[in-house]
Protein backbone atom coordinates (compact mmCIF):
# COMPACT_ATOMS: atom_id res chain seq x y z
CA MET A 1 -17.88 23.32 16.29
CA PHE A 2 -19.80 19.66 15.93
CA ARG A 3 -23.10 21.67 17.50
CA ILE A 4 -22.58 24.83 15.06
CA ILE A 5 -22.57 22.39 11.89
CA PHE A 6 -25.64 20.44 12.86
CA LYS A 7 -27.11 23.87 13.38
CA ILE A 8 -25.69 25.43 9.86
CA LEU A 9 -26.76 21.86 8.09
CA GLY A 10 -29.25 20.43 9.90
CA ASN A 11 -32.96 20.54 9.34
CA GLY A 12 -35.18 19.97 12.23
CA LYS A 13 -36.72 17.40 10.21
CA LYS A 14 -34.07 13.95 11.12
CA LEU A 15 -34.12 12.87 14.61
CA PRO A 16 -30.71 10.18 14.98
CA ILE A 17 -32.38 7.52 17.22
CA LEU A 18 -29.16 5.08 19.23
CA ILE A 19 -29.59 1.90 19.88
CA TYR A 20 -28.15 -0.21 23.03
CA HIS A 21 -28.69 -3.39 24.97
CA GLN A 22 -26.25 -3.51 27.59
CA ILE A 23 -23.52 -0.97 29.33
CA LEU A 24 -20.84 -3.15 31.03
CA PRO A 25 -19.41 -2.34 34.59
CA GLU A 26 -15.88 -2.73 32.74
CA ARG A 27 -14.71 -5.21 29.40
CA ASP A 28 -16.19 -8.68 28.97
CA PHE A 29 -14.65 -10.91 26.69
CA MET A 30 -17.43 -12.68 25.96
CA ARG A 31 -19.63 -9.28 25.31
CA SER A 32 -16.99 -7.09 23.16
CA PHE A 33 -19.39 -5.99 20.94
CA GLU A 34 -21.14 -3.74 24.32
CA PRO A 35 -19.81 -0.57 26.02
CA THR A 36 -18.29 -0.47 29.42
CA ALA A 37 -19.83 2.06 31.16
CA ASP A 38 -16.46 4.38 30.51
CA GLU A 39 -17.19 4.23 27.16
CA PHE A 40 -21.17 4.98 27.30
CA GLU A 41 -20.06 7.77 30.32
CA GLY A 42 -17.94 8.97 26.83
CA GLN A 43 -20.36 9.07 24.65
CA MET A 44 -23.05 10.62 26.66
CA ALA A 45 -21.04 13.31 27.79
CA ALA A 46 -20.13 13.95 23.78
CA ILE A 47 -23.85 13.95 23.15
CA LYS A 48 -25.15 16.55 25.67
CA ARG A 49 -21.50 18.92 24.84
CA HIS A 50 -22.50 18.75 21.00
CA MET A 51 -26.28 18.34 20.54
CA THR A 52 -30.00 18.27 22.16
CA PRO A 53 -31.08 15.42 23.60
CA VAL A 54 -34.45 14.78 23.73
CA SER A 55 -36.46 12.09 24.81
CA LEU A 56 -38.10 9.52 21.89
CA LYS A 57 -41.47 11.10 22.56
CA GLU A 58 -40.62 14.61 22.29
CA GLY A 59 -38.63 13.68 19.31
CA ILE A 60 -41.48 12.12 17.19
CA GLY A 61 -43.09 14.34 18.28
CA GLY A 62 -40.89 17.34 17.19
CA LEU A 63 -40.34 15.79 13.66
CA GLN A 64 -44.27 15.55 13.09
CA ASP A 65 -45.15 19.43 14.82
CA GLY A 66 -41.86 21.00 13.15
CA SER A 67 -39.95 22.13 16.78
CA LEU A 68 -37.55 19.67 16.48
CA PRO A 69 -33.84 20.99 17.47
CA LYS A 70 -31.75 20.71 14.48
CA ASP A 71 -29.29 19.22 16.36
CA ALA A 72 -31.59 16.21 18.52
CA ILE A 73 -30.70 12.89 19.30
CA ALA A 74 -32.54 10.38 20.94
CA VAL A 75 -30.97 7.17 23.09
CA THR A 76 -32.70 3.86 23.19
CA PHE A 77 -31.99 0.45 25.17
CA ASP A 78 -33.89 -2.84 24.18
CA ASP A 79 -34.61 -5.82 26.18
CA GLY A 80 -34.41 -4.69 29.74
CA TYR A 81 -30.77 -5.81 31.22
CA GLU A 82 -30.30 -5.23 35.32
CA ASN A 83 -27.22 -2.83 34.00
CA ASN A 84 -29.55 -0.32 32.50
CA TYR A 85 -30.62 0.31 35.82
CA THR A 86 -27.43 0.26 37.68
CA VAL A 87 -25.03 1.07 35.18
CA ALA A 88 -26.33 3.19 32.43
CA LEU A 89 -29.52 5.16 34.78
CA PRO A 90 -26.94 7.18 36.58
CA ILE A 91 -24.50 8.03 33.75
CA LEU A 92 -27.78 9.19 32.39
CA GLN A 93 -29.12 11.19 35.07
CA LYS A 94 -25.71 13.08 35.47
CA HIS A 95 -25.30 14.77 31.98
CA GLN A 96 -29.22 14.85 32.24
CA ILE A 97 -30.23 13.43 29.19
CA PRO A 98 -33.47 11.26 28.68
CA ALA A 99 -33.56 7.54 27.72
CA THR A 100 -36.38 5.19 26.33
CA PHE A 101 -36.13 1.42 27.84
CA PHE A 102 -38.11 -1.31 25.56
CA ILE A 103 -38.64 -4.38 27.86
CA ALA A 104 -39.51 -7.72 27.24
CA SER A 105 -41.26 -8.58 30.26
CA ASP A 106 -40.77 -12.51 30.23
CA PHE A 107 -37.36 -11.94 31.21
CA ILE A 108 -37.42 -9.57 34.32
CA ASP A 109 -37.16 -10.94 37.97
CA GLY A 110 -34.81 -13.31 37.25
CA GLY A 111 -35.73 -14.45 33.46
CA ILE A 112 -32.47 -14.72 31.18
CA MET A 113 -32.99 -14.15 27.18
CA TRP A 114 -31.93 -17.18 24.80
CA ASN A 115 -28.75 -15.53 23.87
CA ASP A 116 -27.39 -14.87 26.90
CA MET A 117 -28.25 -18.59 27.84
CA VAL A 118 -25.64 -19.51 24.79
CA LEU A 119 -23.15 -17.04 25.65
CA GLU A 120 -22.87 -17.45 29.38
CA THR A 121 -23.37 -21.47 29.22
CA ILE A 122 -20.89 -21.49 26.58
CA ARG A 123 -18.79 -19.33 29.23
CA LEU A 124 -19.34 -22.03 32.22
CA LEU A 125 -18.54 -25.19 29.82
CA GLU A 126 -15.41 -26.85 30.35
CA PRO A 127 -12.46 -26.83 27.59
CA GLY A 128 -13.11 -29.52 25.49
CA THR A 129 -15.09 -30.85 22.42
CA TYR A 130 -19.44 -30.51 22.73
CA ASN A 131 -21.46 -33.10 19.90
CA PHE A 132 -24.84 -32.86 19.99
CA ASP A 133 -26.26 -35.69 17.99
CA ASP A 134 -29.94 -35.30 19.61
CA SER A 135 -30.61 -32.02 18.57
CA ASN A 136 -29.80 -29.84 15.87
CA LEU A 137 -26.87 -28.05 17.69
CA PRO A 138 -23.95 -27.73 15.96
CA SER A 139 -20.52 -28.80 17.72
CA PHE A 140 -17.96 -26.92 18.72
CA ARG A 141 -14.65 -27.27 20.52
CA ILE A 142 -13.64 -25.30 23.27
CA THR A 143 -9.75 -24.11 24.10
CA ASP A 144 -9.19 -20.34 25.18
CA ASP A 145 -11.40 -17.36 25.54
CA ASN A 146 -11.42 -16.62 22.12
CA SER A 147 -12.98 -19.94 21.18
CA ARG A 148 -15.44 -19.65 23.67
CA PHE A 149 -16.34 -16.33 22.22
CA THR A 150 -16.52 -17.35 18.56
CA GLU A 151 -18.21 -20.47 19.34
CA ALA A 152 -20.53 -18.53 20.85
CA VAL A 153 -21.30 -15.87 17.88
CA ASN A 154 -21.44 -18.98 15.47
CA MET A 155 -23.82 -20.62 17.57
CA LEU A 156 -25.97 -17.11 18.15
CA THR A 157 -26.09 -16.86 14.21
CA LYS A 158 -27.28 -20.89 13.67
CA LEU A 159 -30.26 -19.85 16.18
CA LYS A 160 -31.65 -16.55 15.70
CA HIS A 161 -34.24 -17.20 13.30
CA LEU A 162 -35.47 -20.99 13.83
CA PRO A 163 -38.58 -21.12 14.48
CA PHE A 164 -39.42 -19.91 17.84
CA GLN A 165 -40.02 -23.15 19.79
CA GLU A 166 -37.22 -24.88 17.59
CA ARG A 167 -35.11 -22.29 18.92
CA LYS A 168 -36.23 -22.58 22.37
CA GLN A 169 -35.76 -26.50 22.94
CA ALA A 170 -32.22 -25.99 21.33
CA VAL A 171 -31.24 -23.27 23.83
CA GLU A 172 -32.17 -25.57 26.54
CA ARG A 173 -30.82 -28.63 25.22
CA LEU A 174 -27.27 -26.75 25.38
CA ALA A 175 -27.46 -25.36 28.98
CA GLN A 176 -28.52 -28.74 30.04
CA GLU A 177 -24.71 -29.60 29.70
CA LEU A 178 -23.77 -27.27 32.80
CA SER A 179 -25.86 -29.62 34.84
CA ARG A 180 -23.15 -32.53 34.19
CA ILE A 181 -20.44 -29.95 35.49
CA ASN A 182 -23.03 -28.59 38.59
CA LYS A 183 -23.02 -24.85 37.72
CA ILE A 184 -26.14 -23.28 36.68
CA LEU A 185 -27.18 -19.67 34.85
CA PRO A 186 -26.73 -16.37 36.75
CA GLY A 187 -30.18 -15.03 37.55
CA ASN A 188 -29.57 -11.46 37.75
CA ILE A 189 -28.92 -10.65 34.13
CA MET A 190 -32.19 -8.48 33.50
CA MET A 191 -34.20 -5.78 35.72
CA THR A 192 -36.18 -7.01 38.64
CA SER A 193 -39.73 -5.47 38.69
CA SER A 194 -38.70 -2.95 41.72
CA GLN A 195 -35.86 -1.32 39.46
CA LEU A 196 -37.89 -1.07 36.46
CA ARG A 197 -40.19 0.43 38.31
CA ALA A 198 -37.79 3.06 39.58
CA LEU A 199 -36.58 3.61 35.94
CA SER A 200 -39.65 4.27 35.35
CA ASP A 201 -40.06 6.58 37.78
CA ALA A 202 -37.01 8.62 37.54
CA ASP A 203 -37.10 11.75 35.47
CA GLY A 204 -36.79 11.70 31.61
CA MET A 205 -37.18 8.23 31.71
CA GLU A 206 -39.91 6.13 29.71
CA ILE A 207 -40.63 2.55 29.45
CA GLY A 208 -41.71 1.25 26.04
CA GLY A 209 -43.09 -2.53 24.69
CA HIS A 210 -40.81 -5.07 22.99
CA THR A 211 -42.82 -8.33 23.53
CA LEU A 212 -43.06 -11.08 25.94
CA SER A 213 -40.43 -13.43 25.46
CA HIS A 214 -38.72 -11.54 22.14
CA PRO A 215 -39.76 -13.73 19.46
CA ILE A 216 -39.20 -12.73 15.68
CA LEU A 217 -42.95 -11.74 15.33
CA THR A 218 -42.76 -13.06 11.97
CA ARG A 219 -41.98 -16.25 12.89
CA VAL A 220 -44.67 -16.93 14.99
CA SER A 221 -48.53 -16.63 14.21
CA MET A 222 -50.55 -13.70 14.18
CA GLU A 223 -52.40 -15.16 17.03
CA GLU A 224 -49.53 -15.62 19.14
CA ALA A 225 -47.69 -12.11 17.60
CA GLU A 226 -50.56 -10.03 18.97
CA ARG A 227 -50.56 -12.20 22.39
CA GLN A 228 -46.87 -10.97 22.42
CA ILE A 229 -47.47 -7.44 21.96
CA SER A 230 -50.56 -6.63 23.93
CA HIS A 231 -49.87 -8.76 27.03
CA ASN A 232 -46.63 -7.22 27.25
CA LYS A 233 -47.72 -3.89 27.37
CA SER A 234 -49.89 -4.75 30.08
CA VAL A 235 -47.89 -6.26 31.69
CA LEU A 236 -45.17 -3.39 31.98
CA GLU A 237 -48.05 -0.84 32.35
CA GLU A 238 -49.35 -2.45 35.47
CA ILE A 239 -45.75 -2.71 36.92
CA THR A 240 -44.92 1.01 36.10
CA GLY A 241 -48.82 2.49 36.54
CA LYS A 242 -48.21 4.42 33.17
CA THR A 243 -49.36 3.96 29.93
CA LEU A 244 -46.95 2.89 27.24
CA GLU A 245 -46.70 4.23 24.11
CA SER A 246 -43.26 3.55 22.12
CA PHE A 247 -42.21 -0.31 20.81
CA ALA A 248 -39.47 -1.87 19.34
CA TYR A 249 -39.83 -4.66 17.10
CA PRO A 250 -37.78 -7.66 18.36
CA ASN A 251 -34.83 -7.89 15.85
CA GLY A 252 -36.24 -5.09 13.80
CA LYS A 253 -35.24 -5.35 10.30
CA PRO A 254 -38.16 -4.84 7.69
CA ASP A 255 -39.85 -7.75 6.09
CA THR A 256 -37.65 -10.04 7.78
CA ASP A 257 -38.46 -9.60 11.65
CA TYR A 258 -41.60 -7.63 10.93
CA ASP A 259 -44.03 -7.05 8.51
CA ARG A 260 -47.68 -5.06 7.82
CA SER A 261 -49.23 -7.54 10.04
CA VAL A 262 -47.19 -7.11 12.66
CA ARG A 263 -47.10 -3.43 12.34
CA ASP A 264 -51.14 -3.10 12.33
CA LEU A 265 -50.78 -5.38 15.77
CA VAL A 266 -48.44 -2.78 17.48
CA GLN A 267 -51.19 0.16 16.33
CA LYS A 268 -53.77 -2.02 17.78
CA ALA A 269 -52.55 -2.37 20.81
CA GLY A 270 -52.69 1.12 21.75
CA TYR A 271 -49.41 2.11 20.59
CA LYS A 272 -48.44 5.31 19.28
CA ILE A 273 -44.76 5.21 17.78
CA ALA A 274 -42.57 2.17 16.88
CA VAL A 275 -38.80 1.91 16.04
CA THR A 276 -37.19 -0.81 14.12
CA THR A 277 -33.35 -1.54 13.54
CA SER A 278 -32.79 -0.67 9.94
CA HIS A 279 -30.10 1.68 9.85
CA GLY A 280 -30.66 5.25 9.31
CA VAL A 281 -32.09 8.32 11.13
CA ALA A 282 -35.79 8.92 11.73
CA GLN A 283 -37.17 11.89 9.71
CA ALA A 284 -40.56 13.58 8.94
CA GLY A 285 -43.19 11.88 6.78
CA GLU A 286 -42.38 8.78 7.38
CA ASN A 287 -44.54 5.99 8.70
CA PRO A 288 -44.86 6.90 12.77
CA PHE A 289 -44.84 2.64 12.96
CA GLU A 290 -41.49 2.75 10.92
CA HIS A 291 -38.36 4.78 12.91
CA PRO A 292 -35.22 3.45 11.97
CA ARG A 293 -32.52 3.24 14.65
CA TYR A 294 -29.08 2.42 14.78
CA THR A 295 -26.07 1.44 17.07
CA PRO A 296 -22.94 3.76 17.27
CA TRP A 297 -19.87 1.33 16.48
CA ARG A 298 -17.53 3.95 17.43
CA ARG A 299 -16.55 3.93 21.40
CA ARG A 300 -14.75 7.56 21.50
CA PRO A 301 -15.56 10.46 20.69
CA PRO A 302 -14.44 12.45 18.60
CA GLY A 303 -15.40 9.23 16.42
CA PHE A 304 -18.37 8.48 17.88
CA ILE A 305 -19.96 12.01 16.70
CA ILE A 306 -18.37 12.02 13.70
CA GLN A 307 -20.40 8.54 12.92
CA LEU A 308 -23.64 10.32 14.00
CA MET A 309 -22.73 13.19 11.52
CA GLN A 310 -22.21 10.45 8.79
CA ASN A 311 -25.57 8.76 9.55
CA TYR A 312 -27.72 12.16 10.08
CA PHE A 313 -26.23 13.12 6.29
CA ASN A 314 -26.71 10.10 4.63
CA ARG A 315 -29.80 7.76 5.58
CA THR A 316 -30.10 4.41 3.84
CA SER A 317 -33.05 2.87 5.86
CA HIS A 318 -35.52 0.34 4.51
CA LEU A 319 -39.11 0.34 5.55
CA VAL A 320 -41.46 -2.86 4.74
CA GLY A 321 -43.32 -2.90 1.72
């Protein structure tokens, strides 16, 4: 039924692009915002049954030349989490769904992103009250799993838009608390180089750029932004042996997280297309360096497909001025 609706009402000039980060083997109370393998399996089965999955490259090309199927959809992943390879890839292959993976290359081979440092540190800390008079970290109290999650989300919100170095220092200060109880952060959250290479070689899978260390590019100098964009591209091309054509802006909100100057740097680096996190669907005729994407928040079919339909027929994205 849903495929028929897309075929009748679709116009081949819109492309929904989904954003994922992690696909969890099982439910994790500290990452309740991430889908499980079972939920992702259901979503991909629904896409395969009701729509036409295309690669990001194929989809954007179809928008430009008018060859896009009316019911096309593209799947993307940000950051480079290890479970993209171990959990998501087998599901994608089972349903023959292509995907693009945007990789922040500083974190492969044992690295950890700042937000994961916060989540995993607060997960491992003993119950109690934590004060940080020597930094700008907020005080917090851990009593149970619910409070761990709540305090972690509060911390992420407070730190997200701090200047890059200030945020880095604050997160490192938080993680120092683990040394007091002889605990360490996990070292297998992100993909290894060999996993990334194998992912790149898998049929239908594409690797894209996502900067070196995932800074908000409007909060660093233009020189640093250019380094983050161009060096990330070089590192990933060396690992995969392939030329990268797609880029995803870290955090991805227009004007706040990237602007026209950053957009120009992405084009200068040799990318052909770029995607944002501006809510909406990609459309024919829009700037190829500002294609919107969105995260599917309805986990189970048919609500998931209904959400896709609602977003397809109601586009409300914003681009930089």
